Amino acid sequence: MRNKIKEIRLAQQIGQRELARLVGVSAPFMHDLECGNRNAKPETMQKIANALGCTVADLKAGERDGAAS
């Protein structure tokens, strides 16, 4: 999932700090999330999806069952 967030964010030319601001989380948290060092609550994932104009399912696309996210 982390790579999908970054992929969609970059495609929309949104900086990591800007996405963090839109979602209401810290820039370090967003960085850790994209690097796979942290997991987000479902509510936060929904906020990320809303900020990127996609669905949580879009953020999970290509994720394998049991894969770390």
C-alpha atoms as a PDB file:
ATOM      1  CA  MET A   1       0.000   0.000   0.000  1.00  0.00           C
ATOM      2  CA  ARG A   2       2.791   2.406   0.851  1.00  0.00           C
ATOM      3  CA  ASN A   3       4.112   2.430  -2.704  1.00  0.00           C
ATOM      4  CA  LYS A   4       0.616   3.027  -4.050  1.00  0.00           C
ATOM      5  CA  ILE A   5       0.164   6.114  -1.855  1.00  0.00           C
ATOM      6  CA  LYS A   6       3.442   7.522  -3.131  1.00  0.00           C
ATOM      7  CA  GLU A   7       2.649   6.548  -6.716  1.00  0.00           C
ATOM      8  CA  ILE A   8      -0.732   8.293  -6.691  1.00  0.00           C
ATOM      9  CA  ARG A   9       0.665  11.283  -4.790  1.00  0.00           C
ATOM     10  CA  LEU A  10       3.487  11.780  -7.283  1.00  0.00           C
ATOM     11  CA  ALA A  11       1.170  11.335 -10.276  1.00  0.00           C
ATOM     12  CA  GLN A  12      -0.866  14.230  -8.901  1.00  0.00           C
ATOM     13  CA  GLN A  13       2.262  16.267  -8.187  1.00  0.00           C
ATOM     14  CA  ILE A  14       1.444  16.568  -4.497  1.00  0.00           C
ATOM     15  CA  GLY A  15       4.369  16.824  -2.114  1.00  0.00           C
ATOM     16  CA  GLN A  16       4.615  14.576   0.899  1.00  0.00           C
ATOM     17  CA  ARG A  17       4.328  17.515   3.289  1.00  0.00           C
ATOM     18  CA  GLU A  18       1.301  18.855   1.420  1.00  0.00           C
ATOM     19  CA  LEU A  19      -0.457  15.485   1.610  1.00  0.00           C
ATOM     20  CA  ALA A  20       0.335  15.275   5.313  1.00  0.00           C
ATOM     21  CA  ARG A  21      -1.168  18.735   5.794  1.00  0.00           C
ATOM     22  CA  LEU A  22      -4.303  17.819   3.848  1.00  0.00           C
ATOM     23  CA  VAL A  23      -4.752  14.640   5.874  1.00  0.00           C
ATOM     24  CA  GLY A  24      -3.968  16.241   9.226  1.00  0.00           C
ATOM     25  CA  VAL A  25      -0.920  14.165  10.111  1.00  0.00           C
ATOM     26  CA  SER A  26       2.718  15.104  10.547  1.00  0.00           C
ATOM     27  CA  ALA A  27       5.150  15.007   7.650  1.00  0.00           C
ATOM     28  CA  PRO A  28       7.328  12.463   9.507  1.00  0.00           C
ATOM     29  CA  PHE A  29       4.283  10.205   9.946  1.00  0.00           C
ATOM     30  CA  MET A  30       3.500  10.405   6.211  1.00  0.00           C
ATOM     31  CA  HIS A  31       7.133   9.624   5.421  1.00  0.00           C
ATOM     32  CA  ASP A  32       7.118   6.629   7.749  1.00  0.00           C
ATOM     33  CA  LEU A  33       3.830   5.434   6.277  1.00  0.00           C
ATOM     34  CA  GLU A  34       5.177   5.586   2.723  1.00  0.00           C
ATOM     35  CA  CYS A  35       8.366   3.810   3.805  1.00  0.00           C
ATOM     36  CA  GLY A  36       6.406   1.048   5.498  1.00  0.00           C
ATOM     37  CA  ASN A  37       7.607   1.916   8.978  1.00  0.00           C
ATOM     38  CA  ARG A  38       4.130   2.790  10.257  1.00  0.00           C
ATOM     39  CA  ASN A  39       0.570   1.702   9.663  1.00  0.00           C
ATOM     40  CA  ALA A  40      -2.405   4.020   9.468  1.00  0.00           C
ATOM     41  CA  LYS A  41      -5.779   3.631  11.108  1.00  0.00           C
ATOM     42  CA  PRO A  42      -8.694   3.040   8.719  1.00  0.00           C
ATOM     43  CA  GLU A  43      -9.900   6.614   9.320  1.00  0.00           C
ATOM     44  CA  THR A  44      -6.512   7.988   8.301  1.00  0.00           C
ATOM     45  CA  MET A  45      -6.448   5.809   5.193  1.00  0.00           C
ATOM     46  CA  GLN A  46      -9.850   7.219   4.248  1.00  0.00           C
ATOM     47  CA  LYS A  47      -8.537  10.769   4.705  1.00  0.00           C
ATOM     48  CA  ILE A  48      -5.542   9.955   2.491  1.00  0.00           C
ATOM     49  CA  ALA A  49      -7.834   8.503  -0.164  1.00  0.00           C
ATOM     50  CA  ASN A  50     -10.073  11.579  -0.001  1.00  0.00           C
ATOM     51  CA  ALA A  51      -7.088  13.919  -0.298  1.00  0.00           C
ATOM     52  CA  LEU A  52      -5.815  11.983  -3.330  1.00  0.00           C
ATOM     53  CA  GLY A  53      -9.259  11.727  -4.926  1.00  0.00           C
ATOM     54  CA  CYS A  54      -9.297   7.944  -4.889  1.00  0.00           C
ATOM     55  CA  THR A  55     -10.646   5.106  -2.771  1.00  0.00           C
ATOM     56  CA  VAL A  56      -8.977   3.082  -0.056  1.00  0.00           C
ATOM     57  CA  ALA A  57      -9.321   0.129  -2.448  1.00  0.00           C
ATOM     58  CA  ASP A  58      -7.229   2.086  -4.980  1.00  0.00           C
ATOM     59  CA  LEU A  59      -4.545   2.523  -2.324  1.00  0.00           C
ATOM     60  CA  LYS A  60      -4.592  -1.228  -1.700  1.00  0.00           C
ATOM     61  CA  ALA A  61      -4.578  -2.217  -5.390  1.00  0.00           C
ATOM     62  CA  GLY A  62      -1.931  -4.804  -6.145  1.00  0.00           C
ATOM     63  CA  GLU A  63      -1.427  -5.668  -2.495  1.00  0.00           C
ATOM     64  CA  ARG A  64      -1.063  -9.388  -1.841  1.00  0.00           C
ATOM     65  CA  ASP A  65      -2.837 -11.109   1.035  1.00  0.00           C
ATOM     66  CA  GLY A  66      -0.555 -11.270   4.016  1.00  0.00           C
ATOM     67  CA  ALA A  67       1.832  -8.712   2.553  1.00  0.00           C
ATOM     68  CA  ALA A  68       3.158  -6.120   4.931  1.00  0.00           C
ATOM     69  CA  SER A  69       1.818  -2.667   4.260  1.00  0.00           C
END
